[in-house]
Structures are given as C-alpha cells and as structure tokens.
C-alpha cells in the first residue's frame, strides 16, 4: 500500500491556495501521494491557456468583489465561492491515474449516498448534473489532478459572470451554464463542507497508507519558504492573472477533439509577426508550442500548412487553422 498524507489549507485566498498547490507539486517528496483540500472566496479560475476577457465578465465580477485568477493547468473557467470545495491529488508521475483518482472522489460521493459518474474529459455528474470538474498538470516528477466540488455554491453567480463560448455549450447539448450544474445539497440538504471533507479523506485512506493526521497550513508558511513566496507573487500578479491581449488583425475560432481554440494573428506585409492561441484544452503545454511555430510564416493556407509537428494537438490545430485562412 503506497504512503500518503493529507494537507488542508486554512486560507480562502485563491492566489495563496494555488501557490501552495504549485509549491507542493515542486517541493513535496516524490514517492508520496498527497490529498490537498482547499476552499476559495468568490473567484473565477481560468485555465492557463485561456483569455479571461472571453471567459467571464471581468470588470463586473471584480467590481462585485470577486477575484479573477489563473491556474497552471489547462481546462476551462470555473466559478468558485465558499460553497465549493477544491481537492487536489498529487502523485508521482510514474503512478499517475485519473481513473483511480476519479474512483476516490466517487467513493466519497457514495459515502454521502450519491452515485457519481465520470463524463467527458473531466466532469463528474450526479443525476445528469455536473457537480465537479477536473483539470490536470504533469511535470517530470509529479502528476496533479485537481477539481472542484459544488456543495452549496451560488450557482446564480456562475450563470451571471461566466461567458462560455456557444460552441462549448452546443457540444454538450445544453443551453446555459445554469441548466448544467448542481450543488450536492440539491440532492441531500444535509451535506456540507465538513461531511464532504470527511468522506474524501476516508476514501483517500482506503487507497493509501496515511501515517499522520491531516496537516493544516496557512500563510504562516510564506515566512518560512522562499519558493512558496515566489509562487504566491506569481499567482497574485496582474500579468499572470489577466495577461494582456493585444490587437490582432486576424481572429478565428474553431473546436476539435482537443478543445475550443481561439487564434489571434498579427499580420504585417503578408507575414505572421505575432500570434496568440487561447484554449480550454487540458494540454496547455502543447498549446504553448503553437504560437512560436506560426511567427514568421506567410499568412496563407500553404504557409501555415508548411508547419511540421509530431505533437498531435499542434498538428490538428495547424490543419484546422489553415482551412480557415
């Protein structure tokens, strides 16, 4: 039985909680499994490759007291508040298993009397309603599987502030964010943060050998760990959270098996001089490869198609983009 430990954040600052997750990915022992539980104040968290201005009403949301933040993994934008629990399962890269991790979360739901089912790339459903979404990040040493769990979040806010692309909703056969998601309390009003945390800790303990009690940590760690402070500064910076979207002369959008893509090209004298690719793909590392390959190519179908890559995602995006020029 592999060894594991449990870490619970005492903070509700989404930028700190993301920083702590990043710190654990890089600094924790490679041979141990970690369950990290955290809870954020009102925020919208978007994927590493996404354009926040296209995913949510940034100005309105921040004026209403919310915070827009960016995570290091791929996937789409999610609304969170204190009615939502975030869970992270960190594994050695050699032991990565989405299936095992989803089974742990489904075991937790079963303990609460609910039947969870994995749907699509990264969702968990109860009675055909989405109650959890996941995203993934892998380094040379660690595999990170993190997700949300809607306990009793303000779902009206999710519908109010999120602005997902219509193609994304169409692909799932739904008309709106609100019609798709549900809280666990919609199925059992007695479920709360404590009961879910207890259930997922038990489910984790059923799979891994836990040698110590859960460790509760907060911002006091910033004074002790330089690398955590550096992570916190990065996740807090405006450049990381919102970035800058320059004016481009060509913008196109398309959807393929890897996700939804929005490609912005700056073209000067027939040559692509700048490029930005936004996507909800679960593979942000591959998305990052596309822009440098486009720069310097002629703005033509043949120019774009001349790009060669053995990365399947990059290859498909290049083909789809070329067809739209």
C-alpha atoms as a PDB file:
ATOM      1  CA  UNK A   1       0.000   0.000   0.000  1.00  0.00           C
ATOM      2  CA  UNK A   2       1.512   3.320  -1.096  1.00  0.00           C
ATOM      3  CA  UNK A   3       2.056   6.037   1.516  1.00  0.00           C
ATOM      4  CA  UNK A   4       0.017   9.215   1.552  1.00  0.00           C
ATOM      5  CA  UNK A   5      -0.585  12.381   3.534  1.00  0.00           C
ATOM      6  CA  UNK A   6      -3.345  14.961   3.813  1.00  0.00           C
ATOM      7  CA  UNK A   7      -2.894  18.731   3.755  1.00  0.00           C
ATOM      8  CA  UNK A   8      -5.726  21.213   4.371  1.00  0.00           C
ATOM      9  CA  UNK A   9      -5.402  24.944   3.726  1.00  0.00           C
ATOM     10  CA  UNK A  10      -6.743  27.296   6.396  1.00  0.00           C
ATOM     11  CA  UNK A  11      -6.831  30.180   3.893  1.00  0.00           C
ATOM     12  CA  UNK A  12      -9.561  31.282   1.470  1.00  0.00           C
ATOM     13  CA  UNK A  13      -7.256  33.359  -0.732  1.00  0.00           C
ATOM     14  CA  UNK A  14      -7.332  31.676  -4.187  1.00  0.00           C
ATOM     15  CA  UNK A  15      -3.915  33.060  -5.119  1.00  0.00           C
ATOM     16  CA  UNK A  16      -2.322  31.613  -1.996  1.00  0.00           C
ATOM     17  CA  UNK A  17      -4.087  28.284  -2.386  1.00  0.00           C
ATOM     18  CA  UNK A  18      -2.926  27.958  -5.998  1.00  0.00           C
ATOM     19  CA  UNK A  19       0.588  28.944  -4.924  1.00  0.00           C
ATOM     20  CA  UNK A  20       0.600  26.301  -2.200  1.00  0.00           C
ATOM     21  CA  UNK A  21      -0.526  23.693  -4.703  1.00  0.00           C
ATOM     22  CA  UNK A  22       2.286  24.709  -7.061  1.00  0.00           C
ATOM     23  CA  UNK A  23       4.755  24.576  -4.192  1.00  0.00           C
ATOM     24  CA  UNK A  24       3.612  21.073  -3.244  1.00  0.00           C
ATOM     25  CA  UNK A  25       3.969  19.924  -6.850  1.00  0.00           C
ATOM     26  CA  UNK A  26       7.589  21.041  -6.972  1.00  0.00           C
ATOM     27  CA  UNK A  27       8.807  20.529  -3.423  1.00  0.00           C
ATOM     28  CA  UNK A  28       6.989  17.531  -1.934  1.00  0.00           C
ATOM     29  CA  UNK A  29       8.584  14.091  -1.694  1.00  0.00           C
ATOM     30  CA  UNK A  30       8.371  12.257  -4.998  1.00  0.00           C
ATOM     31  CA  UNK A  31       7.361   8.914  -3.508  1.00  0.00           C
ATOM     32  CA  UNK A  32       4.259  10.013  -1.591  1.00  0.00           C
ATOM     33  CA  UNK A  33       0.628  10.635  -2.538  1.00  0.00           C
ATOM     34  CA  UNK A  34      -0.949  13.868  -1.295  1.00  0.00           C
ATOM     35  CA  UNK A  35      -4.574  14.862  -0.836  1.00  0.00           C
ATOM     36  CA  UNK A  36      -4.752  18.659  -0.623  1.00  0.00           C
ATOM     37  CA  UNK A  37      -8.090  20.264   0.321  1.00  0.00           C
ATOM     38  CA  UNK A  38      -8.771  23.974  -0.065  1.00  0.00           C
ATOM     39  CA  UNK A  39     -11.586  26.474  -0.312  1.00  0.00           C
ATOM     40  CA  UNK A  40     -11.599  29.829  -2.095  1.00  0.00           C
ATOM     41  CA  UNK A  41     -13.506  33.038  -1.542  1.00  0.00           C
ATOM     42  CA  UNK A  42     -15.520  34.265  -4.544  1.00  0.00           C
ATOM     43  CA  UNK A  43     -13.367  33.922  -7.650  1.00  0.00           C
ATOM     44  CA  UNK A  44     -13.270  32.770 -11.235  1.00  0.00           C
ATOM     45  CA  UNK A  45     -10.371  30.451 -12.027  1.00  0.00           C
ATOM     46  CA  UNK A  46      -9.471  30.082 -15.683  1.00  0.00           C
ATOM     47  CA  UNK A  47      -7.122  27.659 -17.380  1.00  0.00           C
ATOM     48  CA  UNK A  48      -3.529  28.501 -18.238  1.00  0.00           C
ATOM     49  CA  UNK A  49      -4.202  28.955 -21.958  1.00  0.00           C
ATOM     50  CA  UNK A  50      -7.469  30.868 -21.704  1.00  0.00           C
ATOM     51  CA  UNK A  51      -8.290  34.518 -22.396  1.00  0.00           C
ATOM     52  CA  UNK A  52     -10.131  35.645 -19.224  1.00  0.00           C
ATOM     53  CA  UNK A  53     -11.830  38.500 -21.077  1.00  0.00           C
ATOM     54  CA  UNK A  54     -13.582  35.953 -23.293  1.00  0.00           C
ATOM     55  CA  UNK A  55     -14.456  33.556 -20.469  1.00  0.00           C
ATOM     56  CA  UNK A  56     -16.092  35.874 -17.940  1.00  0.00           C
ATOM     57  CA  UNK A  57     -17.297  39.406 -17.238  1.00  0.00           C
ATOM     58  CA  UNK A  58     -14.015  40.515 -15.699  1.00  0.00           C
ATOM     59  CA  UNK A  59     -14.872  44.118 -14.858  1.00  0.00           C
ATOM     60  CA  UNK A  60     -18.350  43.407 -13.496  1.00  0.00           C
ATOM     61  CA  UNK A  61     -17.109  40.470 -11.443  1.00  0.00           C
ATOM     62  CA  UNK A  62     -14.207  42.348  -9.867  1.00  0.00           C
ATOM     63  CA  UNK A  63     -16.439  45.364  -9.164  1.00  0.00           C
ATOM     64  CA  UNK A  64     -18.768  42.990  -7.308  1.00  0.00           C
ATOM     65  CA  UNK A  65     -15.934  41.773  -5.063  1.00  0.00           C
ATOM     66  CA  UNK A  66     -14.696  38.739  -6.965  1.00  0.00           C
ATOM     67  CA  UNK A  67     -11.140  37.872  -7.970  1.00  0.00           C
ATOM     68  CA  UNK A  68     -10.132  36.538 -11.388  1.00  0.00           C
ATOM     69  CA  UNK A  69      -7.192  34.142 -11.163  1.00  0.00           C
ATOM     70  CA  UNK A  70      -5.319  31.768 -13.467  1.00  0.00           C
ATOM     71  CA  UNK A  71      -4.191  28.243 -12.635  1.00  0.00           C
ATOM     72  CA  UNK A  72      -1.181  26.457 -14.088  1.00  0.00           C
ATOM     73  CA  UNK A  73      -3.201  23.617 -15.639  1.00  0.00           C
ATOM     74  CA  UNK A  74      -5.415  23.578 -18.711  1.00  0.00           C
ATOM     75  CA  UNK A  75      -9.175  23.281 -18.980  1.00  0.00           C
ATOM     76  CA  UNK A  76     -11.983  25.810 -18.775  1.00  0.00           C
ATOM     77  CA  UNK A  77     -13.044  28.616 -16.466  1.00  0.00           C
ATOM     78  CA  UNK A  78     -14.939  27.831 -13.245  1.00  0.00           C
ATOM     79  CA  UNK A  79     -16.756  29.938 -10.670  1.00  0.00           C
ATOM     80  CA  UNK A  80     -15.914  29.280  -7.016  1.00  0.00           C
ATOM     81  CA  UNK A  81     -17.004  30.593  -3.644  1.00  0.00           C
ATOM     82  CA  UNK A  82     -17.138  29.308  -0.068  1.00  0.00           C
ATOM     83  CA  UNK A  83     -19.865  26.864  -1.102  1.00  0.00           C
ATOM     84  CA  UNK A  84     -17.306  24.987  -3.184  1.00  0.00           C
ATOM     85  CA  UNK A  85     -14.505  22.635  -2.107  1.00  0.00           C
ATOM     86  CA  UNK A  86     -11.326  22.201  -4.144  1.00  0.00           C
ATOM     87  CA  UNK A  87      -9.488  18.892  -3.988  1.00  0.00           C
ATOM     88  CA  UNK A  88      -6.039  18.085  -5.351  1.00  0.00           C
ATOM     89  CA  UNK A  89      -4.476  14.644  -5.599  1.00  0.00           C
ATOM     90  CA  UNK A  90      -0.725  14.733  -6.204  1.00  0.00           C
ATOM     91  CA  UNK A  91       1.013  11.554  -7.331  1.00  0.00           C
ATOM     92  CA  UNK A  92       4.466  10.567  -8.552  1.00  0.00           C
ATOM     93  CA  UNK A  93       4.460  10.958 -12.343  1.00  0.00           C
ATOM     94  CA  UNK A  94       5.107   7.243 -12.700  1.00  0.00           C
ATOM     95  CA  UNK A  95       1.968   6.458 -10.671  1.00  0.00           C
ATOM     96  CA  UNK A  96      -0.463   8.847 -12.399  1.00  0.00           C
ATOM     97  CA  UNK A  97      -4.008   7.551 -12.738  1.00  0.00           C
ATOM     98  CA  UNK A  98      -7.023   9.719 -13.475  1.00  0.00           C
ATOM     99  CA  UNK A  99      -9.209   6.640 -13.182  1.00  0.00           C
ATOM    100  CA  UNK A 100      -8.021   5.874  -9.642  1.00  0.00           C
ATOM    101  CA  UNK A 101      -8.448   9.491  -8.593  1.00  0.00           C
ATOM    102  CA  UNK A 102     -11.963   9.707 -10.002  1.00  0.00           C
ATOM    103  CA  UNK A 103     -12.741   6.452  -8.173  1.00  0.00           C
ATOM    104  CA  UNK A 104     -11.626   8.059  -4.889  1.00  0.00           C
ATOM    105  CA  UNK A 105     -13.976  11.012  -5.423  1.00  0.00           C
ATOM    106  CA  UNK A 106     -16.829   8.711  -6.459  1.00  0.00           C
ATOM    107  CA  UNK A 107     -16.212   6.675  -3.290  1.00  0.00           C
ATOM    108  CA  UNK A 108     -16.585   9.890  -1.287  1.00  0.00           C
ATOM    109  CA  UNK A 109     -19.878  10.625  -3.041  1.00  0.00           C
ATOM    110  CA  UNK A 110     -21.063   7.075  -2.385  1.00  0.00           C
ATOM    111  CA  UNK A 111     -20.410   7.562   1.330  1.00  0.00           C
ATOM    112  CA  UNK A 112     -22.726  10.577   1.103  1.00  0.00           C
ATOM    113  CA  UNK A 113     -25.420   8.472  -0.568  1.00  0.00           C
ATOM    114  CA  UNK A 114     -24.845   9.760  -4.112  1.00  0.00           C
ATOM    115  CA  UNK A 115     -23.904   7.951  -7.311  1.00  0.00           C
ATOM    116  CA  UNK A 116     -21.201   9.824  -9.189  1.00  0.00           C
ATOM    117  CA  UNK A 117     -20.359   9.167 -12.831  1.00  0.00           C
ATOM    118  CA  UNK A 118     -17.394  10.357 -14.897  1.00  0.00           C
ATOM    119  CA  UNK A 119     -18.488  12.240 -18.017  1.00  0.00           C
ATOM    120  CA  UNK A 120     -16.493  13.533 -20.964  1.00  0.00           C
ATOM    121  CA  UNK A 121     -12.927  14.691 -20.480  1.00  0.00           C
ATOM    122  CA  UNK A 122     -13.064  15.783 -16.870  1.00  0.00           C
ATOM    123  CA  UNK A 123     -16.541  16.071 -15.323  1.00  0.00           C
ATOM    124  CA  UNK A 124     -18.339  14.230 -12.547  1.00  0.00           C
ATOM    125  CA  UNK A 125     -22.109  14.018 -12.748  1.00  0.00           C
ATOM    126  CA  UNK A 126     -24.928  13.126 -10.367  1.00  0.00           C
ATOM    127  CA  UNK A 127     -28.319  12.533 -11.963  1.00  0.00           C
ATOM    128  CA  UNK A 128     -27.051  14.088 -15.229  1.00  0.00           C
ATOM    129  CA  UNK A 129     -25.972  17.288 -13.477  1.00  0.00           C
ATOM    130  CA  UNK A 130     -22.358  18.412 -13.253  1.00  0.00           C
ATOM    131  CA  UNK A 131     -21.197  18.665  -9.651  1.00  0.00           C
ATOM    132  CA  UNK A 132     -17.429  18.578 -10.242  1.00  0.00           C
ATOM    133  CA  UNK A 133     -14.898  19.458 -12.930  1.00  0.00           C
ATOM    134  CA  UNK A 134     -11.223  18.496 -13.023  1.00  0.00           C
ATOM    135  CA  UNK A 135      -8.026  19.677 -14.680  1.00  0.00           C
ATOM    136  CA  UNK A 136      -4.581  18.114 -14.836  1.00  0.00           C
ATOM    137  CA  UNK A 137      -0.935  19.093 -14.786  1.00  0.00           C
ATOM    138  CA  UNK A 138       2.089  16.857 -15.186  1.00  0.00           C
ATOM    139  CA  UNK A 139       5.763  17.575 -14.576  1.00  0.00           C
ATOM    140  CA  UNK A 140       8.746  15.271 -14.879  1.00  0.00           C
ATOM    141  CA  UNK A 141       8.199  14.213 -11.268  1.00  0.00           C
ATOM    142  CA  UNK A 142       4.586  14.863 -10.283  1.00  0.00           C
ATOM    143  CA  UNK A 143       1.057  14.393 -11.606  1.00  0.00           C
ATOM    144  CA  UNK A 144      -1.530  16.872 -10.370  1.00  0.00           C
ATOM    145  CA  UNK A 145      -5.242  16.123 -10.582  1.00  0.00           C
ATOM    146  CA  UNK A 146      -7.298  18.938  -9.132  1.00  0.00           C
ATOM    147  CA  UNK A 147     -11.006  19.534  -9.164  1.00  0.00           C
ATOM    148  CA  UNK A 148     -13.959  21.374  -7.745  1.00  0.00           C
ATOM    149  CA  UNK A 149     -16.899  20.030  -5.788  1.00  0.00           C
ATOM    150  CA  UNK A 150     -20.076  22.092  -5.621  1.00  0.00           C
ATOM    151  CA  UNK A 151     -21.523  21.795  -2.118  1.00  0.00           C
ATOM    152  CA  UNK A 152     -23.830  24.800  -1.816  1.00  0.00           C
ATOM    153  CA  UNK A 153     -22.240  27.400  -4.088  1.00  0.00           C
ATOM    154  CA  UNK A 154     -24.124  30.381  -5.512  1.00  0.00           C
ATOM    155  CA  UNK A 155     -24.958  28.891  -8.904  1.00  0.00           C
ATOM    156  CA  UNK A 156     -26.727  32.072  -9.990  1.00  0.00           C
ATOM    157  CA  UNK A 157     -23.364  33.815  -9.872  1.00  0.00           C
ATOM    158  CA  UNK A 158     -21.834  31.175 -12.115  1.00  0.00           C
ATOM    159  CA  UNK A 159     -24.522  31.866 -14.711  1.00  0.00           C
ATOM    160  CA  UNK A 160     -24.224  35.633 -14.210  1.00  0.00           C
ATOM    161  CA  UNK A 161     -20.474  36.038 -14.614  1.00  0.00           C
ATOM    162  CA  UNK A 162     -19.234  33.155 -16.785  1.00  0.00           C
ATOM    163  CA  UNK A 163     -19.471  33.596 -20.565  1.00  0.00           C
ATOM    164  CA  UNK A 164     -18.566  30.242 -22.125  1.00  0.00           C
ATOM    165  CA  UNK A 165     -18.415  30.007 -25.891  1.00  0.00           C
ATOM    166  CA  UNK A 166     -21.652  28.848 -27.511  1.00  0.00           C
ATOM    167  CA  UNK A 167     -19.785  26.029 -29.284  1.00  0.00           C
ATOM    168  CA  UNK A 168     -18.799  24.585 -25.924  1.00  0.00           C
ATOM    169  CA  UNK A 169     -22.406  24.521 -24.734  1.00  0.00           C
ATOM    170  CA  UNK A 170     -23.619  23.099 -28.035  1.00  0.00           C
ATOM    171  CA  UNK A 171     -21.096  20.253 -27.846  1.00  0.00           C
ATOM    172  CA  UNK A 172     -22.629  19.207 -24.533  1.00  0.00           C
ATOM    173  CA  UNK A 173     -26.215  19.587 -25.742  1.00  0.00           C
ATOM    174  CA  UNK A 174     -27.108  22.273 -23.199  1.00  0.00           C
ATOM    175  CA  UNK A 175     -28.385  25.842 -23.409  1.00  0.00           C
ATOM    176  CA  UNK A 176     -26.721  27.535 -20.433  1.00  0.00           C
ATOM    177  CA  UNK A 177     -24.307  27.136 -17.531  1.00  0.00           C
ATOM    178  CA  UNK A 178     -27.182  27.204 -15.042  1.00  0.00           C
ATOM    179  CA  UNK A 179     -29.015  24.324 -16.713  1.00  0.00           C
ATOM    180  CA  UNK A 180     -25.990  22.058 -16.460  1.00  0.00           C
ATOM    181  CA  UNK A 181     -24.639  22.333 -12.897  1.00  0.00           C
ATOM    182  CA  UNK A 182     -25.952  21.437  -9.441  1.00  0.00           C
ATOM    183  CA  UNK A 183     -24.907  21.503  -5.795  1.00  0.00           C
ATOM    184  CA  UNK A 184     -24.661  18.367  -3.671  1.00  0.00           C
ATOM    185  CA  UNK A 185     -27.234  19.972  -1.371  1.00  0.00           C
ATOM    186  CA  UNK A 186     -29.713  19.801  -4.261  1.00  0.00           C
ATOM    187  CA  UNK A 187     -29.662  16.030  -3.753  1.00  0.00           C
ATOM    188  CA  UNK A 188     -29.242  15.943   0.041  1.00  0.00           C
ATOM    189  CA  UNK A 189     -29.580  19.131   2.096  1.00  0.00           C
ATOM    190  CA  UNK A 190     -27.596  17.630   4.995  1.00  0.00           C
ATOM    191  CA  UNK A 191     -24.319  17.542   3.026  1.00  0.00           C
ATOM    192  CA  UNK A 192     -21.860  20.276   3.953  1.00  0.00           C
ATOM    193  CA  UNK A 193     -18.155  21.092   3.717  1.00  0.00           C
ATOM    194  CA  UNK A 194     -17.231  19.000   6.751  1.00  0.00           C
ATOM    195  CA  UNK A 195     -19.129  15.900   5.635  1.00  0.00           C
ATOM    196  CA  UNK A 196     -17.592  16.023   2.155  1.00  0.00           C
ATOM    197  CA  UNK A 197     -14.079  16.541   3.525  1.00  0.00           C
ATOM    198  CA  UNK A 198     -14.545  13.644   5.910  1.00  0.00           C
ATOM    199  CA  UNK A 199     -15.798  11.417   3.081  1.00  0.00           C
ATOM    200  CA  UNK A 200     -12.968  12.183   0.650  1.00  0.00           C
ATOM    201  CA  UNK A 201     -10.359  11.778   3.394  1.00  0.00           C
ATOM    202  CA  UNK A 202     -11.816   8.353   4.207  1.00  0.00           C
ATOM    203  CA  UNK A 203     -11.840   7.421   0.506  1.00  0.00           C
ATOM    204  CA  UNK A 204      -8.191   8.500   0.209  1.00  0.00           C
ATOM    205  CA  UNK A 205      -7.284   6.485   3.305  1.00  0.00           C
ATOM    206  CA  UNK A 206      -8.946   3.424   1.751  1.00  0.00           C
ATOM    207  CA  UNK A 207      -6.358   3.535  -1.048  1.00  0.00           C
ATOM    208  CA  UNK A 208      -3.204   4.861   0.614  1.00  0.00           C
ATOM    209  CA  UNK A 209      -1.473   4.337   3.954  1.00  0.00           C
ATOM    210  CA  UNK A 210      -1.717   7.548   5.991  1.00  0.00           C
ATOM    211  CA  UNK A 211       0.973   7.856   8.651  1.00  0.00           C
ATOM    212  CA  UNK A 212      -0.103  11.112  10.339  1.00  0.00           C
ATOM    213  CA  UNK A 213      -3.129  13.295  10.992  1.00  0.00           C
ATOM    214  CA  UNK A 214      -4.156  15.920   8.403  1.00  0.00           C
ATOM    215  CA  UNK A 215      -1.817  18.912   8.405  1.00  0.00           C
ATOM    216  CA  UNK A 216      -3.496  22.335   8.477  1.00  0.00           C
ATOM    217  CA  UNK A 217      -1.427  25.093   6.861  1.00  0.00           C
ATOM    218  CA  UNK A 218      -1.855  28.801   6.127  1.00  0.00           C
ATOM    219  CA  UNK A 219       0.038  31.915   5.161  1.00  0.00           C
ATOM    220  CA  UNK A 220       2.444  31.473   8.046  1.00  0.00           C
ATOM    221  CA  UNK A 221       4.326  29.229   5.613  1.00  0.00           C
ATOM    222  CA  UNK A 222       5.195  32.249   3.467  1.00  0.00           C
ATOM    223  CA  UNK A 223       7.696  33.437   6.065  1.00  0.00           C
ATOM    224  CA  UNK A 224       9.402  30.049   6.103  1.00  0.00           C
ATOM    225  CA  UNK A 225       9.582  29.072   2.424  1.00  0.00           C
ATOM    226  CA  UNK A 226      11.088  31.350  -0.235  1.00  0.00           C
ATOM    227  CA  UNK A 227       9.831  29.244  -3.151  1.00  0.00           C
ATOM    228  CA  UNK A 228       6.272  29.426  -1.801  1.00  0.00           C
ATOM    229  CA  UNK A 229       6.560  33.227  -1.574  1.00  0.00           C
ATOM    230  CA  UNK A 230       7.747  33.325  -5.171  1.00  0.00           C
ATOM    231  CA  UNK A 231       4.784  31.199  -6.246  1.00  0.00           C
ATOM    232  CA  UNK A 232       2.395  33.462  -4.332  1.00  0.00           C
ATOM    233  CA  UNK A 233       3.845  36.556  -6.015  1.00  0.00           C
ATOM    234  CA  UNK A 234       3.443  34.942  -9.433  1.00  0.00           C
ATOM    235  CA  UNK A 235      -0.160  33.821  -8.944  1.00  0.00           C
ATOM    236  CA  UNK A 236      -1.005  37.255  -7.465  1.00  0.00           C
ATOM    237  CA  UNK A 237       0.461  39.316 -10.311  1.00  0.00           C
ATOM    238  CA  UNK A 238      -1.884  41.030 -12.747  1.00  0.00           C
ATOM    239  CA  UNK A 239       0.231  39.887 -15.669  1.00  0.00           C
ATOM    240  CA  UNK A 240      -0.293  36.221 -14.735  1.00  0.00           C
ATOM    241  CA  UNK A 241      -3.942  36.544 -13.690  1.00  0.00           C
ATOM    242  CA  UNK A 242      -5.257  38.639 -16.572  1.00  0.00           C
ATOM    243  CA  UNK A 243      -2.425  38.968 -19.054  1.00  0.00           C
ATOM    244  CA  UNK A 244      -2.542  41.338 -21.975  1.00  0.00           C
ATOM    245  CA  UNK A 245      -4.466  40.690 -25.164  1.00  0.00           C
ATOM    246  CA  UNK A 246      -3.081  42.937 -27.938  1.00  0.00           C
ATOM    247  CA  UNK A 247      -4.973  43.988 -31.038  1.00  0.00           C
ATOM    248  CA  UNK A 248      -4.678  41.437 -33.824  1.00  0.00           C
ATOM    249  CA  UNK A 249      -5.553  41.638 -37.493  1.00  0.00           C
ATOM    250  CA  UNK A 250      -6.977  38.140 -37.775  1.00  0.00           C
ATOM    251  CA  UNK A 251      -9.016  36.215 -35.240  1.00  0.00           C
ATOM    252  CA  UNK A 252     -10.654  32.859 -35.749  1.00  0.00           C
ATOM    253  CA  UNK A 253     -12.263  30.227 -33.562  1.00  0.00           C
ATOM    254  CA  UNK A 254     -12.814  26.517 -34.008  1.00  0.00           C
ATOM    255  CA  UNK A 255     -13.415  23.373 -31.994  1.00  0.00           C
ATOM    256  CA  UNK A 256     -11.792  19.979 -32.448  1.00  0.00           C
ATOM    257  CA  UNK A 257     -11.231  16.832 -30.404  1.00  0.00           C
ATOM    258  CA  UNK A 258      -8.709  18.628 -28.172  1.00  0.00           C
ATOM    259  CA  UNK A 259     -10.930  21.541 -27.168  1.00  0.00           C
ATOM    260  CA  UNK A 260     -12.031  25.015 -28.209  1.00  0.00           C
ATOM    261  CA  UNK A 261      -9.370  27.239 -29.803  1.00  0.00           C
ATOM    262  CA  UNK A 262      -9.243  30.977 -30.414  1.00  0.00           C
ATOM    263  CA  UNK A 263      -6.295  32.047 -32.593  1.00  0.00           C
ATOM    264  CA  UNK A 264      -5.243  35.701 -32.879  1.00  0.00           C
ATOM    265  CA  UNK A 265      -2.707  36.634 -35.574  1.00  0.00           C
ATOM    266  CA  UNK A 266      -0.890  39.903 -36.241  1.00  0.00           C
ATOM    267  CA  UNK A 267      -0.030  40.078 -39.928  1.00  0.00           C
ATOM    268  CA  UNK A 268       2.370  42.586 -41.488  1.00  0.00           C
ATOM    269  CA  UNK A 269       3.148  42.561 -45.231  1.00  0.00           C
ATOM    270  CA  UNK A 270       1.771  39.054 -45.541  1.00  0.00           C
ATOM    271  CA  UNK A 271       3.874  37.624 -42.706  1.00  0.00           C
ATOM    272  CA  UNK A 272       2.599  36.494 -39.296  1.00  0.00           C
ATOM    273  CA  UNK A 273       4.601  38.659 -36.868  1.00  0.00           C
ATOM    274  CA  UNK A 274       2.781  37.771 -33.652  1.00  0.00           C
ATOM    275  CA  UNK A 275       0.375  35.058 -32.564  1.00  0.00           C
ATOM    276  CA  UNK A 276      -1.662  34.194 -29.505  1.00  0.00           C
ATOM    277  CA  UNK A 277      -3.577  30.972 -29.015  1.00  0.00           C
ATOM    278  CA  UNK A 278      -6.250  30.647 -26.328  1.00  0.00           C
ATOM    279  CA  UNK A 279      -7.810  27.295 -25.496  1.00  0.00           C
ATOM    280  CA  UNK A 280      -9.597  25.253 -22.848  1.00  0.00           C
ATOM    281  CA  UNK A 281      -7.514  22.221 -23.835  1.00  0.00           C
ATOM    282  CA  UNK A 282      -6.374  20.010 -20.986  1.00  0.00           C
ATOM    283  CA  UNK A 283      -2.884  20.027 -22.540  1.00  0.00           C
ATOM    284  CA  UNK A 284      -1.623  23.618 -22.144  1.00  0.00           C
ATOM    285  CA  UNK A 285       1.979  22.583 -22.825  1.00  0.00           C
ATOM    286  CA  UNK A 286       1.039  21.619 -26.381  1.00  0.00           C
ATOM    287  CA  UNK A 287      -0.988  24.817 -26.788  1.00  0.00           C
ATOM    288  CA  UNK A 288       2.109  26.826 -25.822  1.00  0.00           C
ATOM    289  CA  UNK A 289       4.020  25.298 -28.739  1.00  0.00           C
ATOM    290  CA  UNK A 290       1.718  26.713 -31.431  1.00  0.00           C
ATOM    291  CA  UNK A 291       2.386  30.487 -31.321  1.00  0.00           C
ATOM    292  CA  UNK A 292       6.173  30.302 -31.873  1.00  0.00           C
ATOM    293  CA  UNK A 293       5.629  27.980 -34.845  1.00  0.00           C
ATOM    294  CA  UNK A 294       3.275  30.473 -36.526  1.00  0.00           C
ATOM    295  CA  UNK A 295       5.523  33.531 -36.215  1.00  0.00           C
ATOM    296  CA  UNK A 296       7.483  34.170 -39.384  1.00  0.00           C
ATOM    297  CA  UNK A 297       5.222  32.079 -41.608  1.00  0.00           C
ATOM    298  CA  UNK A 298       3.392  33.601 -44.548  1.00  0.00           C
ATOM    299  CA  UNK A 299      -0.244  34.427 -43.902  1.00  0.00           C
ATOM    300  CA  UNK A 300      -1.600  31.840 -46.301  1.00  0.00           C
ATOM    301  CA  UNK A 301      -3.035  28.357 -46.304  1.00  0.00           C
ATOM    302  CA  UNK A 302       0.211  26.929 -47.679  1.00  0.00           C
ATOM    303  CA  UNK A 303       2.335  28.951 -45.272  1.00  0.00           C
ATOM    304  CA  UNK A 304       0.525  27.662 -42.219  1.00  0.00           C
ATOM    305  CA  UNK A 305       0.319  24.112 -43.571  1.00  0.00           C
ATOM    306  CA  UNK A 306       4.098  24.105 -44.021  1.00  0.00           C
ATOM    307  CA  UNK A 307       4.458  23.881 -40.237  1.00  0.00           C
ATOM    308  CA  UNK A 308       5.507  20.375 -39.199  1.00  0.00           C
ATOM    309  CA  UNK A 309       4.970  18.951 -35.712  1.00  0.00           C
ATOM    310  CA  UNK A 310       4.784  15.438 -34.300  1.00  0.00           C
ATOM    311  CA  UNK A 311       2.542  16.723 -31.492  1.00  0.00           C
ATOM    312  CA  UNK A 312      -0.968  15.524 -32.390  1.00  0.00           C
ATOM    313  CA  UNK A 313      -2.708  18.545 -30.860  1.00  0.00           C
ATOM    314  CA  UNK A 314      -0.408  21.027 -32.616  1.00  0.00           C
ATOM    315  CA  UNK A 315      -0.755  19.179 -35.932  1.00  0.00           C
ATOM    316  CA  UNK A 316      -4.562  19.223 -35.774  1.00  0.00           C
ATOM    317  CA  UNK A 317      -4.731  22.907 -34.796  1.00  0.00           C
ATOM    318  CA  UNK A 318      -2.438  23.837 -37.691  1.00  0.00           C
ATOM    319  CA  UNK A 319      -4.633  21.929 -40.142  1.00  0.00           C
ATOM    320  CA  UNK A 320      -7.829  23.479 -38.782  1.00  0.00           C
ATOM    321  CA  UNK A 321      -6.349  26.981 -38.819  1.00  0.00           C
ATOM    322  CA  UNK A 322      -5.030  26.625 -42.377  1.00  0.00           C
ATOM    323  CA  UNK A 323      -8.503  25.667 -43.587  1.00  0.00           C
ATOM    324  CA  UNK A 324      -9.862  28.945 -42.195  1.00  0.00           C
ATOM    325  CA  UNK A 325      -7.337  31.251 -43.891  1.00  0.00           C
END
